[in-house]
Amino acid sequence: ESCRLGQSGSSGINAEYGVGKQALPVYITRNGDFRSQPIRVVVTSIEGLLETATTRLNLARAARRLFNSGGGGEVAVWGEVTRDMVLVVSTGENYVRKEEQRCRKNSWTASQRRIGSEK
């Protein structure tokens, strides 16, 4: 009786994939984009969130990973998502911290200067 098809419980596949879960508003932003405002979306599952993020953020490839904007911890289970959470969306690459992006940009600029001075 308790194993009837379609019955949602607090454990098992339904809890993992968000089936029967309440829709949550969250905010999404592209990995490494520190200038744009996060976009508000309302979703009911990790899969739906990844699909929506691919479209709404105009990603060149499908969204594959989600990170907590507060520290870059990966979010892989619907139970970790909370109302109004800001999530960083990646197409597979690791979380980019603001400091790392600044270092990459500075090293690229320095290498371009060296190339320009060699001409």
N, C-alpha and C. Protein backbone atom coordinates (compact mmCIF):
# COMPACT_ATOMS: atom_id res chain seq x y z
N GLU A 1 0.82 -1.20 0.00
CA GLU A 1 0.00 0.00 0.00
C GLU A 1 0.86 1.26 0.00
N SER A 2 1.96 1.28 0.80
CA SER A 2 2.80 2.48 0.88
C SER A 2 3.71 2.63 -0.33
N CYS A 3 3.77 1.63 -1.19
CA CYS A 3 4.64 1.69 -2.37
C CYS A 3 3.87 2.00 -3.64
N ARG A 4 2.69 2.56 -3.51
CA ARG A 4 1.89 2.89 -4.69
C ARG A 4 2.62 3.83 -5.62
N LEU A 5 2.49 3.60 -6.90
CA LEU A 5 3.11 4.44 -7.91
C LEU A 5 2.57 5.85 -7.83
N GLY A 6 3.48 6.83 -7.92
CA GLY A 6 3.06 8.22 -7.92
C GLY A 6 3.00 8.84 -6.54
N GLN A 7 3.21 8.04 -5.50
CA GLN A 7 3.16 8.58 -4.15
C GLN A 7 4.49 9.23 -3.84
N SER A 8 4.48 10.48 -3.39
CA SER A 8 5.70 11.21 -3.06
C SER A 8 6.02 11.02 -1.60
N GLY A 9 7.26 10.72 -1.33
CA GLY A 9 7.73 10.63 0.04
C GLY A 9 8.87 11.59 0.25
N SER A 10 9.46 11.58 1.42
CA SER A 10 10.57 12.48 1.68
C SER A 10 11.90 11.86 1.28
N SER A 11 11.87 10.61 0.80
CA SER A 11 13.11 9.98 0.36
C SER A 11 12.89 9.33 -0.99
N GLY A 12 13.96 8.80 -1.54
CA GLY A 12 13.85 8.10 -2.82
C GLY A 12 13.97 9.03 -4.01
N ILE A 13 13.62 8.49 -5.17
CA ILE A 13 13.81 9.22 -6.43
C ILE A 13 12.98 10.50 -6.50
N ASN A 14 11.78 10.51 -5.94
CA ASN A 14 10.95 11.71 -5.98
C ASN A 14 11.61 12.88 -5.28
N ALA A 15 12.19 12.65 -4.12
CA ALA A 15 12.85 13.72 -3.38
C ALA A 15 14.11 14.18 -4.10
N GLU A 16 14.84 13.23 -4.69
CA GLU A 16 16.08 13.57 -5.37
C GLU A 16 15.85 14.44 -6.60
N TYR A 17 14.83 14.13 -7.38
CA TYR A 17 14.60 14.84 -8.64
C TYR A 17 13.53 15.91 -8.57
N GLY A 18 12.94 16.13 -7.42
CA GLY A 18 11.99 17.22 -7.28
C GLY A 18 10.60 16.93 -7.79
N VAL A 19 10.26 15.67 -8.05
CA VAL A 19 8.93 15.33 -8.54
C VAL A 19 7.92 15.65 -7.44
N GLY A 20 6.90 16.41 -7.78
CA GLY A 20 5.88 16.76 -6.80
C GLY A 20 6.31 17.86 -5.85
N LYS A 21 7.44 18.46 -6.10
CA LYS A 21 7.94 19.53 -5.23
C LYS A 21 7.31 20.85 -5.60
N GLN A 22 7.30 21.74 -4.64
CA GLN A 22 6.79 23.09 -4.86
C GLN A 22 7.80 23.88 -5.69
N ALA A 23 7.30 24.72 -6.58
CA ALA A 23 8.16 25.57 -7.40
C ALA A 23 8.86 26.58 -6.50
N LEU A 24 10.16 26.79 -6.77
CA LEU A 24 10.94 27.74 -5.98
C LEU A 24 11.49 28.84 -6.88
N PRO A 25 11.41 30.09 -6.44
CA PRO A 25 12.09 31.16 -7.17
C PRO A 25 13.56 31.17 -6.76
N VAL A 26 14.44 31.21 -7.75
CA VAL A 26 15.88 31.31 -7.51
C VAL A 26 16.45 32.32 -8.49
N TYR A 27 17.66 32.73 -8.27
CA TYR A 27 18.35 33.65 -9.16
C TYR A 27 19.54 32.95 -9.77
N ILE A 28 19.74 33.14 -11.08
CA ILE A 28 20.84 32.46 -11.77
C ILE A 28 21.73 33.49 -12.46
N THR A 29 23.01 33.16 -12.52
CA THR A 29 23.98 33.99 -13.22
C THR A 29 25.01 33.07 -13.87
N ARG A 30 25.62 33.55 -14.93
CA ARG A 30 26.61 32.78 -15.67
C ARG A 30 27.93 32.71 -14.89
N ASN A 31 28.56 31.57 -14.91
CA ASN A 31 29.85 31.38 -14.24
C ASN A 31 30.88 32.38 -14.79
N GLY A 32 31.50 33.14 -13.92
CA GLY A 32 32.51 34.11 -14.32
C GLY A 32 31.96 35.48 -14.69
N ASP A 33 30.64 35.65 -14.70
CA ASP A 33 30.03 36.94 -15.03
C ASP A 33 29.74 37.69 -13.73
N PHE A 34 30.56 38.69 -13.43
CA PHE A 34 30.41 39.42 -12.19
C PHE A 34 29.81 40.81 -12.42
N ARG A 35 29.40 41.10 -13.64
CA ARG A 35 28.83 42.41 -13.97
C ARG A 35 27.31 42.39 -14.07
N SER A 36 26.76 41.32 -14.60
CA SER A 36 25.31 41.25 -14.83
C SER A 36 24.55 40.93 -13.55
N GLN A 37 23.33 41.43 -13.48
CA GLN A 37 22.44 41.10 -12.36
C GLN A 37 21.92 39.68 -12.56
N PRO A 38 21.81 38.90 -11.48
CA PRO A 38 21.22 37.56 -11.61
C PRO A 38 19.77 37.66 -12.12
N ILE A 39 19.35 36.63 -12.84
CA ILE A 39 18.01 36.56 -13.42
C ILE A 39 17.13 35.67 -12.54
N ARG A 40 15.92 36.13 -12.24
CA ARG A 40 15.00 35.36 -11.41
C ARG A 40 14.25 34.35 -12.29
N VAL A 41 14.23 33.10 -11.85
CA VAL A 41 13.47 32.04 -12.52
C VAL A 41 12.73 31.25 -11.45
N VAL A 42 11.65 30.58 -11.85
CA VAL A 42 10.90 29.73 -10.93
C VAL A 42 10.95 28.31 -11.48
N VAL A 43 11.47 27.38 -10.68
CA VAL A 43 11.70 26.02 -11.16
C VAL A 43 11.28 24.99 -10.10
N THR A 44 11.16 23.74 -10.54
CA THR A 44 10.74 22.66 -9.63
C THR A 44 11.74 21.52 -9.53
N SER A 45 12.84 21.59 -10.28
CA SER A 45 13.83 20.50 -10.23
C SER A 45 15.18 20.99 -10.73
N ILE A 46 16.21 20.23 -10.43
CA ILE A 46 17.56 20.54 -10.92
C ILE A 46 17.57 20.50 -12.44
N GLU A 47 16.93 19.48 -13.03
CA GLU A 47 16.92 19.34 -14.49
C GLU A 47 16.22 20.54 -15.13
N GLY A 48 15.09 20.94 -14.56
CA GLY A 48 14.38 22.10 -15.07
C GLY A 48 15.19 23.38 -14.92
N LEU A 49 15.91 23.47 -13.84
CA LEU A 49 16.77 24.63 -13.60
C LEU A 49 17.88 24.70 -14.65
N LEU A 50 18.51 23.57 -14.95
CA LEU A 50 19.58 23.54 -15.96
C LEU A 50 19.04 23.90 -17.34
N GLU A 51 17.88 23.37 -17.69
CA GLU A 51 17.27 23.68 -18.99
C GLU A 51 16.91 25.16 -19.09
N THR A 52 16.28 25.67 -18.05
CA THR A 52 15.89 27.08 -18.03
C THR A 52 17.11 27.99 -18.09
N ALA A 53 18.15 27.63 -17.35
CA ALA A 53 19.38 28.44 -17.33
C ALA A 53 20.03 28.49 -18.71
N THR A 54 20.04 27.38 -19.42
CA THR A 54 20.63 27.34 -20.76
C THR A 54 19.95 28.37 -21.66
N THR A 55 18.64 28.41 -21.59
CA THR A 55 17.87 29.33 -22.43
C THR A 55 17.97 30.77 -21.95
N ARG A 56 17.68 31.00 -20.69
CA ARG A 56 17.60 32.37 -20.16
C ARG A 56 18.95 33.08 -20.14
N LEU A 57 20.06 32.32 -19.97
CA LEU A 57 21.39 32.93 -19.95
C LEU A 57 22.05 32.93 -21.33
N ASN A 58 21.32 32.42 -22.33
CA ASN A 58 21.84 32.34 -23.71
C ASN A 58 23.20 31.64 -23.77
N LEU A 59 23.28 30.48 -23.12
CA LEU A 59 24.54 29.74 -23.09
C LEU A 59 24.78 29.06 -24.44
N ALA A 60 26.02 29.04 -24.87
CA ALA A 60 26.38 28.41 -26.15
C ALA A 60 26.23 26.89 -26.07
N ARG A 61 26.43 26.33 -24.87
CA ARG A 61 26.27 24.89 -24.63
C ARG A 61 25.31 24.71 -23.46
N ALA A 62 24.83 23.50 -23.29
CA ALA A 62 23.87 23.21 -22.22
C ALA A 62 24.50 23.41 -20.85
N ALA A 63 23.71 23.98 -19.94
CA ALA A 63 24.13 24.11 -18.54
C ALA A 63 24.27 22.71 -17.95
N ARG A 64 25.34 22.48 -17.22
CA ARG A 64 25.59 21.15 -16.66
C ARG A 64 25.82 21.16 -15.15
N ARG A 65 26.31 22.28 -14.61
CA ARG A 65 26.65 22.33 -13.19
C ARG A 65 26.11 23.61 -12.56
N LEU A 66 25.80 23.51 -11.26
CA LEU A 66 25.31 24.65 -10.49
C LEU A 66 26.19 24.81 -9.26
N PHE A 67 26.45 26.06 -8.91
CA PHE A 67 27.26 26.35 -7.73
C PHE A 67 26.56 27.38 -6.86
N ASN A 68 26.80 27.31 -5.56
CA ASN A 68 26.31 28.29 -4.62
C ASN A 68 27.17 29.55 -4.80
N SER A 69 26.55 30.69 -5.01
CA SER A 69 27.31 31.91 -5.28
C SER A 69 28.12 32.36 -4.07
N GLY A 70 27.75 31.90 -2.88
CA GLY A 70 28.45 32.32 -1.67
C GLY A 70 29.84 31.76 -1.51
N GLY A 71 30.13 30.65 -2.12
CA GLY A 71 31.46 30.07 -1.93
C GLY A 71 31.85 29.08 -3.00
N GLY A 72 30.97 28.84 -3.94
CA GLY A 72 31.31 27.96 -5.03
C GLY A 72 31.09 26.49 -4.79
N GLY A 73 30.42 26.14 -3.68
CA GLY A 73 30.11 24.74 -3.45
C GLY A 73 29.11 24.25 -4.49
N GLU A 74 29.35 23.07 -5.04
CA GLU A 74 28.47 22.56 -6.09
C GLU A 74 27.12 22.13 -5.52
N VAL A 75 26.06 22.48 -6.23
CA VAL A 75 24.70 22.12 -5.85
C VAL A 75 24.24 21.06 -6.83
N ALA A 76 24.01 19.83 -6.34
CA ALA A 76 23.67 18.73 -7.23
C ALA A 76 22.33 18.08 -6.91
N VAL A 77 21.76 18.40 -5.75
CA VAL A 77 20.52 17.77 -5.31
C VAL A 77 19.49 18.86 -5.04
N TRP A 78 18.25 18.61 -5.46
CA TRP A 78 17.18 19.60 -5.31
C TRP A 78 17.01 20.05 -3.86
N GLY A 79 17.23 19.17 -2.92
CA GLY A 79 17.09 19.50 -1.50
C GLY A 79 18.04 20.59 -1.03
N GLU A 80 19.11 20.84 -1.77
CA GLU A 80 20.07 21.88 -1.41
C GLU A 80 19.63 23.27 -1.89
N VAL A 81 18.64 23.31 -2.77
CA VAL A 81 18.17 24.58 -3.33
C VAL A 81 17.16 25.20 -2.39
N THR A 82 17.35 26.50 -2.10
CA THR A 82 16.43 27.21 -1.22
C THR A 82 15.81 28.40 -1.95
N ARG A 83 14.70 28.88 -1.43
CA ARG A 83 13.99 30.03 -2.00
C ARG A 83 14.93 31.23 -2.09
N ASP A 84 14.92 31.90 -3.26
CA ASP A 84 15.70 33.11 -3.53
C ASP A 84 17.22 32.90 -3.48
N MET A 85 17.66 31.67 -3.60
CA MET A 85 19.09 31.35 -3.64
C MET A 85 19.69 31.88 -4.93
N VAL A 86 20.92 32.38 -4.87
CA VAL A 86 21.62 32.81 -6.08
C VAL A 86 22.55 31.68 -6.49
N LEU A 87 22.34 31.18 -7.71
CA LEU A 87 23.12 30.05 -8.22
C LEU A 87 23.96 30.48 -9.42
N VAL A 88 25.18 29.97 -9.47
CA VAL A 88 26.08 30.22 -10.58
C VAL A 88 26.00 29.01 -11.50
N VAL A 89 25.78 29.27 -12.79
CA VAL A 89 25.54 28.20 -13.77
C VAL A 89 26.77 28.02 -14.64
N SER A 90 27.17 26.77 -14.81
CA SER A 90 28.35 26.43 -15.60
C SER A 90 27.97 25.43 -16.69
N THR A 91 28.68 25.47 -17.81
CA THR A 91 28.47 24.49 -18.88
C THR A 91 29.39 23.29 -18.72
N GLY A 92 29.98 23.16 -17.55
CA GLY A 92 30.84 22.02 -17.24
C GLY A 92 32.13 22.42 -16.55
N GLU A 93 32.52 23.68 -16.73
CA GLU A 93 33.78 24.14 -16.13
C GLU A 93 33.62 24.34 -14.62
N ASN A 94 34.74 24.39 -13.92
CA ASN A 94 34.75 24.62 -12.49
C ASN A 94 34.30 26.04 -12.17
N TYR A 95 33.91 26.26 -10.93
CA TYR A 95 33.47 27.57 -10.45
C TYR A 95 34.61 28.58 -10.60
N VAL A 96 34.31 29.76 -11.14
CA VAL A 96 35.31 30.81 -11.30
C VAL A 96 35.10 31.85 -10.21
N ARG A 97 36.11 32.03 -9.37
CA ARG A 97 36.06 33.06 -8.34
C ARG A 97 36.45 34.39 -8.95
N LYS A 98 35.97 35.46 -8.36
CA LYS A 98 36.25 36.80 -8.89
C LYS A 98 37.75 37.06 -8.94
N GLU A 99 38.48 36.63 -7.93
CA GLU A 99 39.93 36.84 -7.88
C GLU A 99 40.62 36.09 -9.03
N GLU A 100 40.14 34.88 -9.32
CA GLU A 100 40.73 34.08 -10.40
C GLU A 100 40.52 34.75 -11.74
N GLN A 101 39.35 35.31 -11.96
CA GLN A 101 39.06 35.97 -13.23
C GLN A 101 39.97 37.19 -13.40
N ARG A 102 40.15 37.95 -12.32
CA ARG A 102 41.02 39.12 -12.37
C ARG A 102 42.45 38.70 -12.73
N CYS A 103 42.93 37.61 -12.14
CA CYS A 103 44.29 37.12 -12.43
C CYS A 103 44.40 36.69 -13.89
N ARG A 104 43.40 35.99 -14.40
CA ARG A 104 43.42 35.55 -15.79
C ARG A 104 43.46 36.75 -16.73
N LYS A 105 42.65 37.76 -16.43
CA LYS A 105 42.58 38.94 -17.28
C LYS A 105 43.92 39.67 -17.27
N ASN A 106 44.51 39.83 -16.08
CA ASN A 106 45.80 40.52 -15.97
C ASN A 106 46.91 39.76 -16.68
N SER A 107 46.93 38.43 -16.59
CA SER A 107 47.98 37.67 -17.25
C SER A 107 47.80 37.74 -18.77
N TRP A 108 46.54 37.76 -19.26
CA TRP A 108 46.30 37.89 -20.69
C TRP A 108 46.78 39.25 -21.17
N THR A 109 46.47 40.31 -20.43
CA THR A 109 46.88 41.66 -20.81
C THR A 109 48.39 41.77 -20.84
N ALA A 110 49.07 41.19 -19.84
CA ALA A 110 50.52 41.24 -19.80
C ALA A 110 51.13 40.49 -20.99
N SER A 111 50.55 39.34 -21.34
CA SER A 111 51.09 38.59 -22.47
C SER A 111 50.87 39.35 -23.77
N GLN A 112 49.75 40.07 -23.90
CA GLN A 112 49.50 40.86 -25.10
C GLN A 112 50.47 42.02 -25.20
N ARG A 113 50.83 42.60 -24.06
CA ARG A 113 51.82 43.69 -24.06
C ARG A 113 53.17 43.19 -24.54
N ARG A 114 53.56 41.99 -24.05
CA ARG A 114 54.85 41.41 -24.46
C ARG A 114 54.86 41.17 -25.96
N ILE A 115 53.76 40.63 -26.48
CA ILE A 115 53.68 40.34 -27.92
C ILE A 115 53.77 41.65 -28.71
N GLY A 116 53.08 42.68 -28.22
CA GLY A 116 53.10 43.98 -28.90
C GLY A 116 54.47 44.62 -28.88
N SER A 117 55.23 44.43 -27.81
CA SER A 117 56.56 45.06 -27.70
C SER A 117 57.60 44.32 -28.53
N GLU A 118 57.31 43.07 -28.92
CA GLU A 118 58.25 42.30 -29.72
C GLU A 118 58.18 42.67 -31.19
N LYS A 119 57.14 43.35 -31.61
CA LYS A 119 56.97 43.69 -33.04
C LYS A 119 57.87 44.80 -33.46
